[in-house]
């Protein structure tokens, strides 16, 4: 993304009261970033390359999370 990291976007959405079930995908895994993303509500973090079944599992988790529901 240009001008904003995924973590920055996640922080901005949360500050606006928007709860979005987020799946992070990265080519540069970093334990500190992973911990921050999870602490801020990420449902999954996938390191490239990843298996299709891993992405599908994360999508299933996101769809079942309370974060995607209105109210």
PDB file of N, CA and C in Angstrom:
ATOM      1  N   UNK A   1       0.850  -1.178   0.000  1.00  0.00           N
ATOM      2  CA  UNK A   1       0.000   0.000   0.000  1.00  0.00           C
ATOM      3  C   UNK A   1       0.890   1.234   0.000  1.00  0.00           C
ATOM      4  N   UNK A   2       0.425   2.223  -0.661  1.00  0.00           N
ATOM      5  CA  UNK A   2       1.201   3.447  -0.759  1.00  0.00           C
ATOM      6  C   UNK A   2       0.826   4.430   0.355  1.00  0.00           C
ATOM      7  N   UNK A   3       1.829   4.875   1.120  1.00  0.00           N
ATOM      8  CA  UNK A   3       1.610   5.920   2.106  1.00  0.00           C
ATOM      9  C   UNK A   3       1.084   5.463   3.451  1.00  0.00           C
ATOM     10  N   UNK A   4       0.642   4.233   3.570  1.00  0.00           N
ATOM     11  CA  UNK A   4       0.088   3.765   4.841  1.00  0.00           C
ATOM     12  C   UNK A   4       0.315   2.252   4.939  1.00  0.00           C
ATOM     13  N   UNK A   5       0.755   1.821   6.103  1.00  0.00           N
ATOM     14  CA  UNK A   5       0.931   0.380   6.302  1.00  0.00           C
ATOM     15  C   UNK A   5      -0.403  -0.258   6.676  1.00  0.00           C
ATOM     16  N   UNK A   6      -0.450  -1.559   6.608  1.00  0.00           N
ATOM     17  CA  UNK A   6      -1.646  -2.275   7.031  1.00  0.00           C
ATOM     18  C   UNK A   6      -1.961  -2.031   8.494  1.00  0.00           C
ATOM     19  N   UNK A   7      -0.916  -1.950   9.317  1.00  0.00           N
ATOM     20  CA  UNK A   7      -1.119  -1.656  10.742  1.00  0.00           C
ATOM     21  C   UNK A   7      -1.677  -0.256  10.940  1.00  0.00           C
ATOM     22  N   UNK A   8      -1.187   0.696  10.142  1.00  0.00           N
ATOM     23  CA  UNK A   8      -1.719   2.058  10.228  1.00  0.00           C
ATOM     24  C   UNK A   8      -3.201   2.087   9.855  1.00  0.00           C
ATOM     25  N   UNK A   9      -3.551   1.375   8.803  1.00  0.00           N
ATOM     26  CA  UNK A   9      -4.954   1.318   8.389  1.00  0.00           C
ATOM     27  C   UNK A   9      -5.805   0.675   9.473  1.00  0.00           C
ATOM     28  N   UNK A  10      -5.325  -0.412  10.041  1.00  0.00           N
ATOM     29  CA  UNK A  10      -6.054  -1.095  11.109  1.00  0.00           C
ATOM     30  C   UNK A  10      -6.276  -0.150  12.290  1.00  0.00           C
ATOM     31  N   UNK A  11      -5.252   0.606  12.664  1.00  0.00           N
ATOM     32  CA  UNK A  11      -5.353   1.562  13.763  1.00  0.00           C
ATOM     33  C   UNK A  11      -6.360   2.660  13.440  1.00  0.00           C
ATOM     34  N   UNK A  12      -6.316   3.186  12.239  1.00  0.00           N
ATOM     35  CA  UNK A  12      -7.233   4.250  11.828  1.00  0.00           C
ATOM     36  C   UNK A  12      -8.686   3.769  11.830  1.00  0.00           C
ATOM     37  N   UNK A  13      -8.929   2.578  11.329  1.00  0.00           N
ATOM     38  CA  UNK A  13     -10.290   2.036  11.328  1.00  0.00           C
ATOM     39  C   UNK A  13     -10.806   1.861  12.756  1.00  0.00           C
ATOM     40  N   UNK A  14      -9.956   1.326  13.629  1.00  0.00           N
ATOM     41  CA  UNK A  14     -10.356   1.127  15.027  1.00  0.00           C
ATOM     42  C   UNK A  14     -10.662   2.463  15.699  1.00  0.00           C
ATOM     43  N   UNK A  15      -9.872   3.484  15.405  1.00  0.00           N
ATOM     44  CA  UNK A  15     -10.093   4.806  15.994  1.00  0.00           C
ATOM     45  C   UNK A  15     -11.428   5.402  15.556  1.00  0.00           C
ATOM     46  N   UNK A  16     -11.898   4.987  14.392  1.00  0.00           N
ATOM     47  CA  UNK A  16     -13.185   5.460  13.885  1.00  0.00           C
ATOM     48  C   UNK A  16     -14.331   4.556  14.322  1.00  0.00           C
ATOM     49  N   UNK A  17     -14.016   3.564  15.149  1.00  0.00           N
ATOM     50  CA  UNK A  17     -15.045   2.667  15.648  1.00  0.00           C
ATOM     51  C   UNK A  17     -15.445   1.574  14.670  1.00  0.00           C
ATOM     52  N   UNK A  18     -14.639   1.375  13.632  1.00  0.00           N
ATOM     53  CA  UNK A  18     -14.933   0.349  12.631  1.00  0.00           C
ATOM     54  C   UNK A  18     -14.186  -0.924  12.978  1.00  0.00           C
ATOM     55  N   UNK A  19     -14.938  -1.959  13.257  1.00  0.00           N
ATOM     56  CA  UNK A  19     -14.347  -3.250  13.594  1.00  0.00           C
ATOM     57  C   UNK A  19     -14.377  -4.119  12.350  1.00  0.00           C
ATOM     58  N   UNK A  20     -13.234  -4.341  11.773  1.00  0.00           N
ATOM     59  CA  UNK A  20     -13.122  -5.108  10.537  1.00  0.00           C
ATOM     60  C   UNK A  20     -12.260  -6.338  10.817  1.00  0.00           C
ATOM     61  N   UNK A  21     -12.771  -7.541  10.525  1.00  0.00           N
ATOM     62  CA  UNK A  21     -11.940  -8.729  10.727  1.00  0.00           C
ATOM     63  C   UNK A  21     -10.815  -8.731   9.688  1.00  0.00           C
ATOM     64  N   UNK A  22      -9.607  -8.489  10.156  1.00  0.00           N
ATOM     65  CA  UNK A  22      -8.474  -8.271   9.267  1.00  0.00           C
ATOM     66  C   UNK A  22      -7.590  -9.503   9.167  1.00  0.00           C
ATOM     67  N   UNK A  23      -7.188  -9.803   7.936  1.00  0.00           N
ATOM     68  CA  UNK A  23      -6.212 -10.856   7.664  1.00  0.00           C
ATOM     69  C   UNK A  23      -4.994 -10.161   7.067  1.00  0.00           C
ATOM     70  N   UNK A  24      -3.873 -10.239   7.753  1.00  0.00           N
ATOM     71  CA  UNK A  24      -2.640  -9.654   7.242  1.00  0.00           C
ATOM     72  C   UNK A  24      -1.875 -10.691   6.443  1.00  0.00           C
ATOM     73  N   UNK A  25      -1.347 -10.269   5.313  1.00  0.00           N
ATOM     74  CA  UNK A  25      -0.503 -11.116   4.480  1.00  0.00           C
ATOM     75  C   UNK A  25       0.810 -10.359   4.294  1.00  0.00           C
ATOM     76  N   UNK A  26       1.925 -11.019   4.617  1.00  0.00           N
ATOM     77  CA  UNK A  26       3.208 -10.335   4.551  1.00  0.00           C
ATOM     78  C   UNK A  26       4.296 -11.204   3.945  1.00  0.00           C
ATOM     79  N   UNK A  27       5.204 -10.548   3.258  1.00  0.00           N
ATOM     80  CA  UNK A  27       6.399 -11.219   2.763  1.00  0.00           C
ATOM     81  C   UNK A  27       7.565 -11.012   3.718  1.00  0.00           C
ATOM     82  N   UNK A  28       7.348 -10.160   4.732  1.00  0.00           N
ATOM     83  CA  UNK A  28       8.407  -9.815   5.676  1.00  0.00           C
ATOM     84  C   UNK A  28       7.938 -10.057   7.111  1.00  0.00           C
ATOM     85  N   UNK A  29       7.874 -11.321   7.541  1.00  0.00           N
ATOM     86  CA  UNK A  29       7.391 -11.623   8.887  1.00  0.00           C
ATOM     87  C   UNK A  29       8.276 -11.005   9.963  1.00  0.00           C
ATOM     88  N   UNK A  30       7.615 -10.457  10.969  1.00  0.00           N
ATOM     89  CA  UNK A  30       8.302  -9.810  12.080  1.00  0.00           C
ATOM     90  C   UNK A  30       7.461 -10.055  13.328  1.00  0.00           C
ATOM     91  N   UNK A  31       8.067 -10.619  14.355  1.00  0.00           N
ATOM     92  CA  UNK A  31       7.316 -10.984  15.564  1.00  0.00           C
ATOM     93  C   UNK A  31       6.669  -9.782  16.243  1.00  0.00           C
ATOM     94  N   UNK A  32       7.349  -8.634  16.259  1.00  0.00           N
ATOM     95  CA  UNK A  32       6.775  -7.440  16.889  1.00  0.00           C
ATOM     96  C   UNK A  32       5.546  -6.942  16.134  1.00  0.00           C
ATOM     97  N   UNK A  33       5.633  -6.962  14.823  1.00  0.00           N
ATOM     98  CA  UNK A  33       4.498  -6.519  14.004  1.00  0.00           C
ATOM     99  C   UNK A  33       3.339  -7.507  14.153  1.00  0.00           C
ATOM    100  N   UNK A  34       3.680  -8.788  14.153  1.00  0.00           N
ATOM    101  CA  UNK A  34       2.655  -9.833  14.334  1.00  0.00           C
ATOM    102  C   UNK A  34       1.927  -9.629  15.662  1.00  0.00           C
ATOM    103  N   UNK A  35       2.667  -9.407  16.727  1.00  0.00           N
ATOM    104  CA  UNK A  35       2.062  -9.205  18.043  1.00  0.00           C
ATOM    105  C   UNK A  35       1.175  -7.965  18.051  1.00  0.00           C
ATOM    106  N   UNK A  36       1.638  -6.898  17.433  1.00  0.00           N
ATOM    107  CA  UNK A  36       0.843  -5.659  17.388  1.00  0.00           C
ATOM    108  C   UNK A  36      -0.452  -5.863  16.603  1.00  0.00           C
ATOM    109  N   UNK A  37      -0.358  -6.513  15.454  1.00  0.00           N
ATOM    110  CA  UNK A  37      -1.548  -6.743  14.639  1.00  0.00           C
ATOM    111  C   UNK A  37      -2.569  -7.593  15.384  1.00  0.00           C
ATOM    112  N   UNK A  38      -2.104  -8.646  16.030  1.00  0.00           N
ATOM    113  CA  UNK A  38      -3.017  -9.509  16.780  1.00  0.00           C
ATOM    114  C   UNK A  38      -3.619  -8.774  17.969  1.00  0.00           C
ATOM    115  N   UNK A  39      -2.812  -7.959  18.647  1.00  0.00           N
ATOM    116  CA  UNK A  39      -3.316  -7.190  19.787  1.00  0.00           C
ATOM    117  C   UNK A  39      -4.384  -6.190  19.353  1.00  0.00           C
ATOM    118  N   UNK A  40      -4.272  -5.705  18.133  1.00  0.00           N
ATOM    119  CA  UNK A  40      -5.238  -4.740  17.600  1.00  0.00           C
ATOM    120  C   UNK A  40      -6.441  -5.422  16.942  1.00  0.00           C
ATOM    121  N   UNK A  41      -6.480  -6.764  16.984  1.00  0.00           N
ATOM    122  CA  UNK A  41      -7.665  -7.460  16.523  1.00  0.00           C
ATOM    123  C   UNK A  41      -7.577  -8.225  15.223  1.00  0.00           C
ATOM    124  N   UNK A  42      -6.391  -8.357  14.655  1.00  0.00           N
ATOM    125  CA  UNK A  42      -6.271  -9.163  13.433  1.00  0.00           C
ATOM    126  C   UNK A  42      -6.727 -10.592  13.721  1.00  0.00           C
ATOM    127  N   UNK A  43      -7.424 -11.202  12.768  1.00  0.00           N
ATOM    128  CA  UNK A  43      -7.878 -12.574  12.976  1.00  0.00           C
ATOM    129  C   UNK A  43      -6.819 -13.585  12.547  1.00  0.00           C
ATOM    130  N   UNK A  44      -5.966 -13.189  11.598  1.00  0.00           N
ATOM    131  CA  UNK A  44      -4.903 -14.078  11.123  1.00  0.00           C
ATOM    132  C   UNK A  44      -3.779 -13.247  10.515  1.00  0.00           C
ATOM    133  N   UNK A  45      -2.602 -13.844  10.521  1.00  0.00           N
ATOM    134  CA  UNK A  45      -1.465 -13.279   9.800  1.00  0.00           C
ATOM    135  C   UNK A  45      -0.836 -14.416   9.012  1.00  0.00           C
ATOM    136  N   UNK A  46      -0.732 -14.223   7.714  1.00  0.00           N
ATOM    137  CA  UNK A  46      -0.150 -15.234   6.843  1.00  0.00           C
ATOM    138  C   UNK A  46       1.171 -14.727   6.300  1.00  0.00           C
ATOM    139  N   UNK A  47       2.178 -15.578   6.355  1.00  0.00           N
ATOM    140  CA  UNK A  47       3.476 -15.262   5.774  1.00  0.00           C
ATOM    141  C   UNK A  47       3.528 -15.857   4.368  1.00  0.00           C
ATOM    142  N   UNK A  48       3.994 -15.042   3.420  1.00  0.00           N
ATOM    143  CA  UNK A  48       4.147 -15.540   2.054  1.00  0.00           C
ATOM    144  C   UNK A  48       5.362 -16.449   1.994  1.00  0.00           C
ATOM    145  N   UNK A  49       5.328 -17.511   1.242  1.00  0.00           N
ATOM    146  CA  UNK A  49       4.148 -18.053   0.575  1.00  0.00           C
ATOM    147  C   UNK A  49       3.298 -18.831   1.574  1.00  0.00           C
ATOM    148  N   UNK A  50       2.023 -18.947   1.283  1.00  0.00           N
ATOM    149  CA  UNK A  50       1.125 -19.688   2.159  1.00  0.00           C
ATOM    150  C   UNK A  50       0.257 -20.605   1.309  1.00  0.00           C
ATOM    151  N   UNK A  51      -0.262 -21.603   1.959  1.00  0.00           N
ATOM    152  CA  UNK A  51      -1.127 -22.573   1.286  1.00  0.00           C
ATOM    153  C   UNK A  51      -2.543 -22.036   1.172  1.00  0.00           C
ATOM    154  N   UNK A  52      -3.221 -22.411   0.145  1.00  0.00           N
ATOM    155  CA  UNK A  52      -4.611 -22.004  -0.071  1.00  0.00           C
ATOM    156  C   UNK A  52      -5.483 -22.353   1.123  1.00  0.00           C
ATOM    157  N   UNK A  53      -5.252 -23.525   1.702  1.00  0.00           N
ATOM    158  CA  UNK A  53      -6.082 -23.952   2.838  1.00  0.00           C
ATOM    159  C   UNK A  53      -5.884 -23.033   4.043  1.00  0.00           C
ATOM    160  N   UNK A  54      -4.684 -22.450   4.182  1.00  0.00           N
ATOM    161  CA  UNK A  54      -4.453 -21.507   5.278  1.00  0.00           C
ATOM    162  C   UNK A  54      -5.286 -20.242   5.092  1.00  0.00           C
ATOM    163  N   UNK A  55      -5.333 -19.739   3.866  1.00  0.00           N
ATOM    164  CA  UNK A  55      -6.144 -18.553   3.585  1.00  0.00           C
ATOM    165  C   UNK A  55      -7.625 -18.850   3.813  1.00  0.00           C
ATOM    166  N   UNK A  56      -8.084 -19.994   3.352  1.00  0.00           N
ATOM    167  CA  UNK A  56      -9.486 -20.359   3.537  1.00  0.00           C
ATOM    168  C   UNK A  56      -9.832 -20.491   5.022  1.00  0.00           C
ATOM    169  N   UNK A  57      -8.900 -21.013   5.816  1.00  0.00           N
ATOM    170  CA  UNK A  57      -9.114 -21.124   7.258  1.00  0.00           C
ATOM    171  C   UNK A  57      -9.253 -19.730   7.874  1.00  0.00           C
ATOM    172  N   UNK A  58      -8.405 -18.805   7.447  1.00  0.00           N
ATOM    173  CA  UNK A  58      -8.459 -17.440   7.976  1.00  0.00           C
ATOM    174  C   UNK A  58      -9.753 -16.735   7.562  1.00  0.00           C
ATOM    175  N   UNK A  59     -10.182 -16.944   6.346  1.00  0.00           N
ATOM    176  CA  UNK A  59     -11.445 -16.359   5.888  1.00  0.00           C
ATOM    177  C   UNK A  59     -12.598 -16.900   6.719  1.00  0.00           C
ATOM    178  N   UNK A  60     -12.569 -18.186   6.996  1.00  0.00           N
ATOM    179  CA  UNK A  60     -13.618 -18.797   7.825  1.00  0.00           C
ATOM    180  C   UNK A  60     -13.626 -18.176   9.220  1.00  0.00           C
ATOM    181  N   UNK A  61     -12.453 -17.987   9.805  1.00  0.00           N
ATOM    182  CA  UNK A  61     -12.355 -17.349  11.123  1.00  0.00           C
ATOM    183  C   UNK A  61     -12.923 -15.939  11.065  1.00  0.00           C
ATOM    184  N   UNK A  62     -12.566 -15.186  10.024  1.00  0.00           N
ATOM    185  CA  UNK A  62     -13.049 -13.804   9.883  1.00  0.00           C
ATOM    186  C   UNK A  62     -14.566 -13.763   9.761  1.00  0.00           C
ATOM    187  N   UNK A  63     -15.121 -14.658   8.982  1.00  0.00           N
ATOM    188  CA  UNK A  63     -16.572 -14.672   8.793  1.00  0.00           C
ATOM    189  C   UNK A  63     -17.320 -15.062  10.067  1.00  0.00           C
ATOM    190  N   UNK A  64     -16.687 -15.850  10.895  1.00  0.00           N
ATOM    191  CA  UNK A  64     -17.319 -16.280  12.145  1.00  0.00           C
ATOM    192  C   UNK A  64     -17.078 -15.310  13.297  1.00  0.00           C
ATOM    193  N   UNK A  65     -16.204 -14.326  13.077  1.00  0.00           N
ATOM    194  CA  UNK A  65     -15.885 -13.381  14.153  1.00  0.00           C
ATOM    195  C   UNK A  65     -17.016 -12.388  14.347  1.00  0.00           C
ATOM    196  N   UNK A  66     -17.097 -11.844  15.544  1.00  0.00           N
ATOM    197  CA  UNK A  66     -18.094 -10.813  15.844  1.00  0.00           C
ATOM    198  C   UNK A  66     -17.789  -9.505  15.126  1.00  0.00           C
ATOM    199  N   UNK A  67     -16.551  -9.316  14.711  1.00  0.00           N
ATOM    200  CA  UNK A  67     -16.140  -8.043  14.128  1.00  0.00           C
ATOM    201  C   UNK A  67     -16.857  -7.729  12.826  1.00  0.00           C
ATOM    202  N   UNK A  68     -17.299  -8.732  12.090  1.00  0.00           N
ATOM    203  CA  UNK A  68     -17.948  -8.445  10.804  1.00  0.00           C
ATOM    204  C   UNK A  68     -19.442  -8.199  10.929  1.00  0.00           C
ATOM    205  N   UNK A  69     -19.998  -8.374  12.110  1.00  0.00           N
ATOM    206  CA  UNK A  69     -21.448  -8.224  12.292  1.00  0.00           C
ATOM    207  C   UNK A  69     -21.792  -6.788  12.660  1.00  0.00           C
ATOM    208  N   UNK A  70     -22.914  -6.325  12.183  1.00  0.00           N
ATOM    209  CA  UNK A  70     -23.385  -4.976  12.542  1.00  0.00           C
ATOM    210  C   UNK A  70     -23.913  -4.980  13.974  1.00  0.00           C
ATOM    211  N   UNK A  71     -23.844  -3.784  14.600  1.00  0.00           N
ATOM    212  CA  UNK A  71     -24.446  -3.642  15.920  1.00  0.00           C
ATOM    213  C   UNK A  71     -23.450  -3.743  16.972  1.00  0.00           C
TER     214      UNK A  71
END
